[in-house]
Protein backbone atom coordinates (compact mmCIF):
# COMPACT_ATOMS: atom_id res chain seq x y z
CA MET A 1 -162.42 32.99 27.38
CA LYS A 2 -161.76 29.64 29.07
CA GLU A 3 -160.44 28.05 26.12
CA ALA A 4 -157.86 30.96 25.67
CA GLN A 5 -156.77 30.51 29.17
CA VAL A 6 -156.49 26.53 28.81
CA GLN A 7 -154.55 27.05 25.54
CA ASN A 8 -152.09 29.63 27.25
CA ASN A 9 -151.56 27.08 30.10
CA GLU A 10 -150.78 24.34 27.49
CA PHE A 11 -148.55 26.69 25.79
CA ASN A 12 -146.76 27.58 29.18
CA ALA A 13 -146.29 24.03 29.97
CA GLN A 14 -144.95 23.27 26.45
CA ASP A 15 -142.60 26.19 26.80
CA LEU A 16 -141.29 24.81 30.12
CA CYS A 17 -140.88 21.18 28.54
CA SER A 18 -139.14 22.94 25.57
CA ALA A 19 -136.90 24.74 27.90
CA ILE A 20 -135.93 21.93 29.79
CA GLN A 21 -135.32 19.98 26.67
CA LYS A 22 -133.26 22.47 25.05
CA ARG A 23 -131.10 23.25 28.26
CA LYS A 24 -130.78 19.89 29.60
CA ILE A 25 -127.00 19.92 29.02
CA LEU A 26 -126.81 23.04 31.18
CA ILE A 27 -129.18 21.53 33.86
CA VAL A 28 -127.08 18.37 33.98
CA GLY A 29 -124.10 20.43 34.18
CA ILE A 30 -125.15 22.29 37.06
CA PHE A 31 -126.32 19.26 38.76
CA PHE A 32 -122.93 17.50 38.75
CA LEU A 33 -120.98 20.50 39.15
CA SER A 34 -122.72 21.44 42.55
CA MET A 35 -122.27 17.80 43.55
CA ILE A 36 -118.58 17.79 42.64
CA ALA A 37 -117.85 21.24 44.31
CA THR A 38 -119.71 20.12 47.55
CA ALA A 39 -117.71 16.89 47.66
CA ILE A 40 -114.31 18.74 47.18
CA VAL A 41 -115.25 21.23 49.96
CA SER A 42 -116.58 18.25 52.17
CA ILE A 43 -113.54 15.96 51.82
CA PHE A 44 -110.91 18.72 52.60
CA GLN A 45 -113.08 20.41 55.42
CA GLU A 46 -111.63 19.90 58.87
CA PRO A 47 -113.30 17.07 60.56
CA ILE A 48 -115.22 18.13 64.02
CA PHE A 49 -115.67 15.38 66.60
CA LYS A 50 -118.35 15.25 69.23
CA GLY A 51 -117.89 14.20 73.03
CA ASP A 52 -120.05 14.71 76.35
CA ALA A 53 -119.45 14.31 80.09
CA ILE A 54 -121.51 14.82 83.26
CA LEU A 55 -120.00 16.90 85.76
CA ILE A 56 -121.21 17.08 89.47
CA ILE A 57 -121.71 20.00 92.08
CA PRO A 58 -120.13 18.47 95.13
CA SER A 59 -121.76 20.87 97.69
CA ILE A 60 -124.33 18.12 99.33
CA GLN A 61 -125.81 18.11 102.69
CA TYR A 62 -126.14 14.86 104.40
CA VAL A 63 -128.60 14.57 107.14
CA LEU A 64 -128.92 11.83 109.83
CA ASN A 65 -132.62 11.45 111.13
CA ASN A 66 -135.11 8.80 112.32
CA ASN A 67 -135.41 7.53 108.72
CA GLY A 68 -131.84 6.94 108.05
CA ILE A 69 -129.58 9.31 106.06
CA SER A 70 -131.04 11.58 103.66
CA ARG A 71 -129.15 13.49 101.03
CA GLU A 72 -130.20 17.19 99.72
CA ALA A 73 -128.48 19.26 97.23
CA SER A 74 -127.70 22.52 98.70
CA LEU A 75 -126.56 23.67 94.97
CA ASN A 76 -128.71 23.76 92.03
CA ALA A 77 -127.16 23.07 88.67
CA ARG A 78 -129.82 25.06 86.84
CA GLU A 79 -128.46 28.02 88.87
CA ILE A 80 -124.83 27.47 87.71
CA VAL A 81 -126.16 27.06 84.20
CA ASP A 82 -128.06 30.33 84.04
CA ILE A 83 -125.20 32.14 85.52
CA ILE A 84 -122.77 30.93 82.65
CA GLY A 85 -125.50 31.82 80.08
CA VAL A 86 -125.27 31.22 76.32
CA ILE A 87 -121.69 30.57 75.31
CA ASP A 88 -120.55 32.85 72.42
CA GLN A 89 -117.40 33.28 71.06
CA GLU A 90 -116.38 35.79 73.52
CA LYS A 91 -117.50 33.52 76.19
CA LYS A 92 -115.88 30.52 74.81
CA LYS A 93 -112.46 32.35 75.01
CA ARG A 94 -113.05 33.08 78.75
CA ILE A 95 -113.80 29.65 79.40
CA LEU A 96 -111.16 28.17 77.25
CA PRO A 97 -108.13 30.44 77.53
CA LYS A 98 -105.74 27.67 76.19
CA MET A 99 -107.90 25.45 74.13
CA TYR A 100 -110.22 28.02 72.46
CA ALA A 101 -108.86 27.21 68.90
CA SER A 102 -109.17 23.79 68.92
CA ILE A 103 -112.91 23.63 70.05
CA ALA A 104 -115.76 24.43 67.90
CA THR A 105 -118.71 24.58 70.33
CA ILE A 106 -119.50 24.01 73.90
CA LYS A 107 -122.88 23.48 75.60
CA ILE A 108 -123.72 23.22 79.17
CA ASN A 109 -127.16 22.39 80.45
CA ALA A 110 -128.61 21.10 83.64
CA SER A 111 -129.18 17.40 83.80
CA ARG A 112 -132.79 16.11 83.78
CA GLU A 113 -131.95 13.28 85.99
CA SER A 114 -130.43 15.08 88.97
CA LYS A 115 -130.39 18.80 90.27
CA ASP A 116 -126.62 18.57 91.18
CA LYS A 117 -125.35 17.47 87.87
CA MET A 118 -124.59 19.16 84.49
CA GLU A 119 -124.37 17.75 81.06
CA VAL A 120 -121.32 19.19 78.98
CA VAL A 121 -121.26 18.64 75.24
CA ILE A 122 -118.28 19.50 73.29
CA GLU A 123 -117.33 19.64 69.45
CA ALA A 124 -113.53 19.65 68.92
CA PHE A 125 -111.47 19.57 65.84
CA ASP A 126 -108.99 17.44 67.68
CA LYS A 127 -109.87 14.35 69.73
CA ASN A 128 -106.93 15.41 72.04
CA ALA A 129 -108.59 18.59 72.76
CA PHE A 130 -111.30 17.17 75.06
CA GLN A 131 -109.70 16.39 78.14
CA PRO A 132 -107.84 19.59 78.38
CA ALA A 133 -111.20 21.47 77.51
CA ILE A 134 -112.98 19.64 80.45
CA LYS A 135 -110.40 20.60 82.92
CA GLU A 136 -110.62 24.50 81.71
CA ILE A 137 -114.53 24.20 81.78
CA ILE A 138 -114.24 22.60 85.47
CA ASN A 139 -111.78 25.70 86.45
CA TYR A 140 -114.15 28.29 85.07
CA CYS A 141 -117.20 26.69 86.74
CA ASN A 142 -115.29 26.59 90.01
CA SER A 143 -114.39 30.37 89.80
CA ILE A 144 -117.79 31.50 89.71
CA ASP A 145 -118.11 33.84 92.82
CA ILE A 146 -121.74 32.49 93.79
CA LEU A 147 -120.50 28.89 93.81
CA GLN A 148 -117.32 29.61 95.79
CA LYS A 149 -119.25 31.41 98.35
CA ARG A 150 -121.91 28.63 98.62
CA ILE A 151 -118.95 26.06 98.84
CA ASN A 152 -117.19 28.06 101.54
CA ASP A 153 -120.40 28.61 103.56
CA GLU A 154 -121.03 24.87 103.38
CA ASN A 155 -117.50 23.79 104.17
CA GLU A 156 -117.79 25.99 107.18
CA LYS A 157 -121.03 24.52 108.56
CA LEU A 158 -119.82 20.93 107.84
CA THR A 159 -116.58 21.52 109.55
CA GLN A 160 -118.14 23.04 112.52
CA ARG A 161 -120.50 19.71 112.50
CA SER A 162 -117.41 17.16 112.18
CA ILE A 163 -115.88 19.07 115.20
CA GLU A 164 -119.27 18.91 117.38
CA LEU A 165 -119.44 14.90 116.32
CA LYS A 166 -116.11 14.44 117.49
CA LEU A 167 -116.62 15.84 120.66
CA THR A 168 -119.81 14.28 121.30
CA ILE A 169 -118.41 10.77 120.29
CA ALA A 170 -115.53 11.25 122.65
CA LYS A 171 -117.53 12.01 125.64
CA ALA A 172 -119.71 9.24 125.08
CA GLU A 173 -117.09 6.78 124.85
CA LYS A 174 -115.77 8.12 128.21
CA ILE A 175 -119.22 7.59 129.59
CA VAL A 176 -119.31 4.01 128.35
CA THR A 177 -115.50 3.22 129.52
CA LYS A 178 -116.67 4.75 133.04
CA PHE A 179 -119.66 2.60 133.21
CA GLU A 180 -117.69 -0.55 132.38
CA HIS A 181 -114.85 0.04 134.86
CA VAL A 182 -117.54 0.65 137.61
CA TYR A 183 -119.69 -2.19 136.69
CA PHE A 184 -117.12 -4.91 136.24
CA ASN A 185 -114.65 -3.73 138.96
CA GLU A 186 -117.24 -2.64 141.60
CA LYS A 187 -120.17 -4.85 140.71
CA ILE A 188 -122.57 -2.09 140.75
CA ASN A 189 -125.64 -2.55 138.53
CA PHE A 190 -127.21 0.47 136.90
CA LEU A 191 -130.90 -0.51 136.24
CA THR A 192 -131.74 2.77 134.69
CA PHE A 193 -128.46 2.77 132.41
CA ASN A 194 -128.39 0.68 129.31
CA PRO A 195 -124.92 0.78 127.68
CA ASN A 196 -126.10 -1.10 124.56
CA ASP A 197 -128.24 1.96 123.64
CA LEU A 198 -125.36 4.42 123.95
CA ASN A 199 -123.19 2.36 121.79
CA LYS A 200 -125.90 2.41 119.16
CA ASN A 201 -126.11 6.09 119.38
CA ILE A 202 -122.13 6.16 119.24
CA ALA A 203 -122.35 4.30 116.18
CA ASP A 204 -124.81 6.30 114.60
CA LEU A 205 -122.77 9.41 115.38
CA LYS A 206 -119.61 7.90 113.88
CA GLN A 207 -121.39 6.97 110.70
CA GLU A 208 -122.76 10.69 110.43
CA LYS A 209 -119.19 12.03 111.04
CA LEU A 210 -117.65 9.70 108.37
CA ILE A 211 -120.29 10.99 105.95
CA THR A 212 -119.49 14.73 106.84
CA ASP A 213 -115.82 14.31 106.69
CA GLN A 214 -116.56 13.01 102.90
CA ALA A 215 -118.64 15.68 102.16
CA ILE A 216 -115.77 18.09 103.25
CA ASP A 217 -113.26 16.28 101.17
CA ARG A 218 -115.42 16.46 98.11
CA LEU A 219 -115.94 20.34 98.72
CA LYS A 220 -112.04 20.61 98.45
CA GLY A 221 -112.10 19.76 94.77
CA GLY A 222 -115.10 21.90 93.77
CA ILE A 223 -117.04 20.75 90.85
CA GLY A 224 -115.96 17.32 89.46
CA VAL A 225 -116.55 14.68 86.88
CA ALA A 226 -119.42 12.29 87.61
CA ARG A 227 -119.33 10.54 84.08
CA GLN A 228 -115.95 10.59 82.09
CA LEU A 229 -116.02 11.82 78.78
CA GLU A 230 -117.62 9.72 75.67
CA ILE A 231 -116.36 10.62 72.49
CA LEU A 232 -117.64 9.51 69.33
CA GLU A 233 -115.42 7.64 66.70
CA LYS A 234 -116.58 9.08 63.82
CA PRO A 235 -116.78 12.97 63.15
CA VAL A 236 -120.26 14.68 63.06
CA SER A 237 -119.24 16.86 60.62
CA PRO A 238 -118.71 17.32 57.62
CA ARG A 239 -121.57 14.89 56.62
CA VAL A 240 -120.03 14.28 53.11
CA LYS A 241 -123.05 12.18 51.67
CA VAL A 242 -125.61 14.23 53.05
CA ASN A 243 -124.18 17.30 51.78
CA ILE A 244 -123.55 16.03 48.05
CA VAL A 245 -127.38 14.61 48.32
CA LEU A 246 -128.16 18.23 49.12
CA ALA A 247 -126.02 19.81 46.87
CA GLY A 248 -127.56 17.65 44.17
CA VAL A 249 -130.84 18.57 44.74
CA LEU A 250 -130.11 22.46 44.97
CA GLY A 251 -128.03 22.03 41.73
CA LEU A 252 -130.99 20.35 40.02
CA LEU A 253 -133.41 23.14 41.07
CA LEU A 254 -131.07 25.87 40.17
CA GLY A 255 -130.39 24.32 36.90
CA LEU A 256 -134.12 24.12 36.17
CA ILE A 257 -134.65 27.88 37.28
CA PHE A 258 -131.81 28.94 35.13
CA ALA A 259 -132.93 27.18 31.95
CA ILE A 260 -136.43 28.67 32.32
CA LEU A 261 -135.17 32.12 32.96
CA LEU A 262 -132.85 32.10 29.83
CA ASP A 263 -135.41 30.49 27.53
CA TRP A 264 -138.11 33.02 28.81
CA ARG A 265 -135.60 36.07 28.35
CA ILE A 266 -134.98 34.74 24.70
CA MET A 267 -138.76 34.50 24.18
CA ILE A 268 -139.17 38.24 25.58
CA LYS A 269 -136.63 39.49 23.31
CA SER A 270 -137.85 37.70 20.17
CA GLN A 271 -141.33 39.15 20.77
CA THR A 272 -139.98 42.75 21.14
CA LEU A 273 -138.20 42.82 17.70
């Protein structure tokens, strides 16, 4: 029983070698045909270029405390990315009303390095399409309702804070001016009043107001570019060499399978006659 099984296996192996030997021209033909066809398609396929940029959410709170100025993000990039969701073809049309046809894919992800930054990866058919596409992506992000509401709310808070700081600074400067007038003209010494401390406090208030006004200016532009576009020189697709190698491997396997099936079919027909 075992000898018959071994002989049968040897016979099958011999049939396999025989099929490959008889159909080698067919196998080689399919192998080269697959590579040539893939090379022609890859060469004439429209190239796709890749670029990426970093966007920053401008809504930032600056707080002056005993330890100095602290910076706290009031908006989370993850929230914006979750609102945008997966960018399919329909959403791509809404994001890129003008550059839709020139862009292959868009990916927007929250940055791992900072909570207020987003990474944008674009694949485009034309290198000139990247800059207009980034502008349309920024416009789309700035039009998100929750983002607009939070920016407006924070702009209102920062504006109110700036007004309060301006009034406080003006009052403090009047006090210092009045003190200097009394001290130098009337020669009155105020033992419990130190103008240097007040001047230091005024300087701190001016610094906080400057930072607050800068934050207000950044809010006006909405989401902006933290790092400019970096575009790869060579296209990422089509990968001609890789495609040809894969086509050769698949063509060789297809040729082997086709040769074996063809020889097996002929053998079955001969046995039935």
